[in-house]
């Protein structure tokens, strides 16, 4: 499945493919990708998961040094030997990569920040910002209930839960995805 996702790129973001992938792997991570466990209170798999969803939706990997977004399988087929760019796995970096790509019309996946939650669609992303201004979590919209987005995510693994969290976020960022 991974090889098809990597080589069959589209020129448009196919939201339903991203959502289908998210729903398939939200509660049972894809063993073809490394799963990032929480270490003490750091890290987790949220952005690795949202990146996989973007890839499934047709986002091409980009290997340029400035705004790289990629995941490489190792020749050993053991995920512990895989490699990835920082924005592939770090929420703050993915958020800024999407925004910069949008601003400068760069090749690859783009994200337009919007303020109105009602403009969001399936396959768009939601990022959560902490008290110190750092984006610490990402999730993908996989459904709606009463016009409110439901998200799927990793760290903790969840399928179709409300986007408003019980934990405090200083700010929630709504990102419309495009290619």
Protein backbone atom coordinates (compact mmCIF):
# COMPACT_ATOMS: atom_id res chain seq x y z
CA UNK A 1 0.00 0.00 0.00
CA UNK A 2 2.78 2.46 0.84
CA UNK A 3 4.40 2.17 -2.60
CA UNK A 4 1.11 3.06 -4.29
CA UNK A 5 0.75 6.12 -2.09
CA UNK A 6 4.26 7.30 -2.90
CA UNK A 7 4.22 6.84 -6.67
CA UNK A 8 0.59 7.61 -7.62
CA UNK A 9 0.51 11.33 -6.95
CA UNK A 10 -2.39 13.46 -8.08
CA UNK A 11 -2.44 17.17 -8.88
CA UNK A 12 -5.36 17.68 -6.50
CA UNK A 13 -5.87 16.81 -2.87
CA UNK A 14 -8.34 13.94 -2.77
CA UNK A 15 -9.96 14.57 0.59
CA UNK A 16 -11.89 11.32 0.71
CA UNK A 17 -8.69 9.29 0.27
CA UNK A 18 -7.11 11.15 3.19
CA UNK A 19 -10.22 10.62 5.32
CA UNK A 20 -10.52 6.95 4.35
CA UNK A 21 -6.88 6.42 5.37
CA UNK A 22 -7.43 8.28 8.66
CA UNK A 23 -10.48 6.20 9.52
CA UNK A 24 -8.62 2.99 8.67
CA UNK A 25 -5.57 3.74 10.81
CA UNK A 26 -6.82 6.05 13.57
CA UNK A 27 -7.23 3.28 16.14
CA UNK A 28 -4.77 0.76 14.72
CA UNK A 29 -1.64 2.45 13.30
CA UNK A 30 -0.31 1.43 9.89
CA UNK A 31 2.58 -0.98 10.56
CA UNK A 32 4.30 0.24 7.37
CA UNK A 33 5.21 3.49 9.17
CA UNK A 34 7.12 4.09 12.36
CA UNK A 35 4.85 4.78 15.33
CA UNK A 36 6.20 7.55 17.57
CA UNK A 37 5.47 6.74 21.18
CA UNK A 38 5.29 9.42 23.86
CA UNK A 39 8.60 9.72 25.71
CA UNK A 40 7.98 11.05 29.23
CA UNK A 41 5.79 14.06 28.34
CA UNK A 42 7.28 14.69 24.90
CA UNK A 43 6.47 13.64 21.38
CA UNK A 44 3.88 11.30 20.07
CA UNK A 45 2.52 10.17 16.72
CA UNK A 46 -0.04 12.89 15.91
CA UNK A 47 1.82 14.64 13.09
CA UNK A 48 3.30 11.45 11.67
CA UNK A 49 -0.32 10.26 11.39
CA UNK A 50 -1.64 13.49 9.82
CA UNK A 51 1.27 13.41 7.35
CA UNK A 52 0.35 9.85 6.37
CA UNK A 53 -3.22 11.04 5.77
CA UNK A 54 -2.00 13.94 3.59
CA UNK A 55 0.13 11.50 1.61
CA UNK A 56 -2.87 9.20 1.12
CA UNK A 57 -4.82 12.23 -0.12
CA UNK A 58 -2.31 12.79 -2.90
CA UNK A 59 0.24 15.15 -1.37
CA UNK A 60 3.61 14.69 -3.08
CA UNK A 61 6.65 14.32 -0.92
CA UNK A 62 9.07 17.21 -1.29
CA UNK A 63 12.79 16.80 -0.77
CA UNK A 64 14.00 20.38 -1.15
CA UNK A 65 16.15 21.44 1.77
CA UNK A 66 14.17 24.50 2.82
CA UNK A 67 10.58 23.15 3.00
CA UNK A 68 11.08 19.40 2.88
CA UNK A 69 8.23 17.06 3.74
CA UNK A 70 8.99 13.38 3.25
CA UNK A 71 9.17 9.87 4.70
CA UNK A 72 11.62 7.25 3.41
CA UNK A 73 11.27 3.54 3.99
CA UNK A 74 14.50 1.76 4.82
CA UNK A 75 15.83 -1.03 2.66
CA UNK A 76 15.49 -3.36 5.67
CA UNK A 77 11.69 -2.82 5.78
CA UNK A 78 12.00 -2.35 9.53
CA UNK A 79 10.37 0.96 10.50
CA UNK A 80 13.05 1.60 13.12
CA UNK A 81 15.46 2.20 10.21
CA UNK A 82 13.14 4.60 8.33
CA UNK A 83 13.92 8.32 7.99
CA UNK A 84 11.72 11.41 7.71
CA UNK A 85 11.85 15.20 7.54
CA UNK A 86 11.13 17.24 10.66
CA UNK A 87 7.80 18.60 9.29
CA UNK A 88 6.64 15.04 8.63
CA UNK A 89 6.64 14.29 12.36
CA UNK A 90 6.62 17.60 14.31
CA UNK A 91 3.35 19.56 14.57
CA UNK A 92 4.92 23.03 14.77
CA UNK A 93 7.10 22.34 11.72
CA UNK A 94 4.26 20.89 9.63
CA UNK A 95 2.04 23.87 10.49
CA UNK A 96 4.67 26.37 9.28
CA UNK A 97 5.60 24.31 6.23
CA UNK A 98 1.96 24.26 5.12
CA UNK A 99 1.57 28.00 5.68
CA UNK A 100 4.84 28.94 3.93
CA UNK A 101 4.02 26.69 0.97
CA UNK A 102 0.63 28.44 0.72
CA UNK A 103 2.10 31.93 1.03
CA UNK A 104 4.75 31.42 -1.65
CA UNK A 105 2.80 29.00 -3.88
CA UNK A 106 5.54 26.40 -3.39
CA UNK A 107 5.24 22.96 -4.91
CA UNK A 108 3.59 20.40 -2.66
CA UNK A 109 1.07 20.40 0.12
CA UNK A 110 -0.25 23.80 1.22
CA UNK A 111 -2.34 25.09 4.09
CA UNK A 112 -4.46 28.21 4.23
CA UNK A 113 -5.29 29.30 7.76
CA UNK A 114 -8.92 30.31 8.20
CA UNK A 115 -10.75 31.71 11.21
CA UNK A 116 -14.20 30.38 10.47
CA UNK A 117 -14.66 26.74 11.46
CA UNK A 118 -17.67 26.54 9.12
CA UNK A 119 -15.36 26.80 6.08
CA UNK A 120 -13.54 23.58 6.97
CA UNK A 121 -14.03 20.39 4.99
CA UNK A 122 -13.23 16.74 5.43
CA UNK A 123 -9.47 16.24 5.17
CA UNK A 124 -8.54 19.67 6.54
CA UNK A 125 -6.28 19.87 9.60
CA UNK A 126 -6.59 21.36 13.05
CA UNK A 127 -3.50 22.39 15.03
CA UNK A 128 -3.37 23.17 18.75
CA UNK A 129 -1.10 25.86 20.20
CA UNK A 130 0.19 25.86 23.77
CA UNK A 131 0.77 28.69 26.23
CA UNK A 132 4.29 29.39 24.93
CA UNK A 133 3.13 29.82 21.31
CA UNK A 134 4.31 26.41 20.09
CA UNK A 135 2.02 24.18 18.04
CA UNK A 136 1.99 20.91 19.95
CA UNK A 137 -0.71 18.76 18.32
CA UNK A 138 -2.30 18.10 14.93
CA UNK A 139 -5.42 16.20 13.85
CA UNK A 140 -7.41 15.61 10.66
CA UNK A 141 -11.13 16.30 10.17
CA UNK A 142 -12.85 13.01 9.37
CA UNK A 143 -16.53 13.80 10.00
CA UNK A 144 -18.99 16.45 11.16
CA UNK A 145 -21.69 16.48 13.83
CA UNK A 146 -24.14 19.38 13.95
CA UNK A 147 -21.82 21.29 11.59
CA UNK A 148 -18.89 20.91 14.02
CA UNK A 149 -15.75 19.06 12.93
CA UNK A 150 -14.93 15.67 14.35
CA UNK A 151 -11.28 14.70 14.22
CA UNK A 152 -9.20 11.58 14.11
CA UNK A 153 -5.74 11.57 15.63
CA UNK A 154 -2.87 9.72 17.25
CA UNK A 155 -1.38 10.46 20.68
CA UNK A 156 -3.94 9.40 21.97
CA UNK A 157 -5.42 7.29 19.17
CA UNK A 158 -8.99 8.43 18.44
CA UNK A 159 -11.59 8.27 15.67
CA UNK A 160 -14.26 10.95 15.08
CA UNK A 161 -14.02 12.84 18.36
CA UNK A 162 -14.97 16.51 18.90
CA UNK A 163 -12.17 18.92 17.95
CA UNK A 164 -12.62 20.92 21.15
CA UNK A 165 -10.38 19.29 23.74
CA UNK A 166 -10.61 18.88 27.46
CA UNK A 167 -7.03 20.14 27.75
CA UNK A 168 -6.27 23.81 27.33
CA UNK A 169 -5.02 25.16 24.04
CA UNK A 170 -4.13 28.85 23.91
CA UNK A 171 -5.29 28.87 20.31
CA UNK A 172 -6.71 26.43 17.77
CA UNK A 173 -5.59 26.83 14.15
CA UNK A 174 -7.86 25.75 11.29
CA UNK A 175 -5.96 24.83 8.11
CA UNK A 176 -7.57 24.28 4.70
CA UNK A 177 -5.47 21.85 2.70
CA UNK A 178 -4.67 22.08 -1.02
CA UNK A 179 -1.97 21.09 -3.47
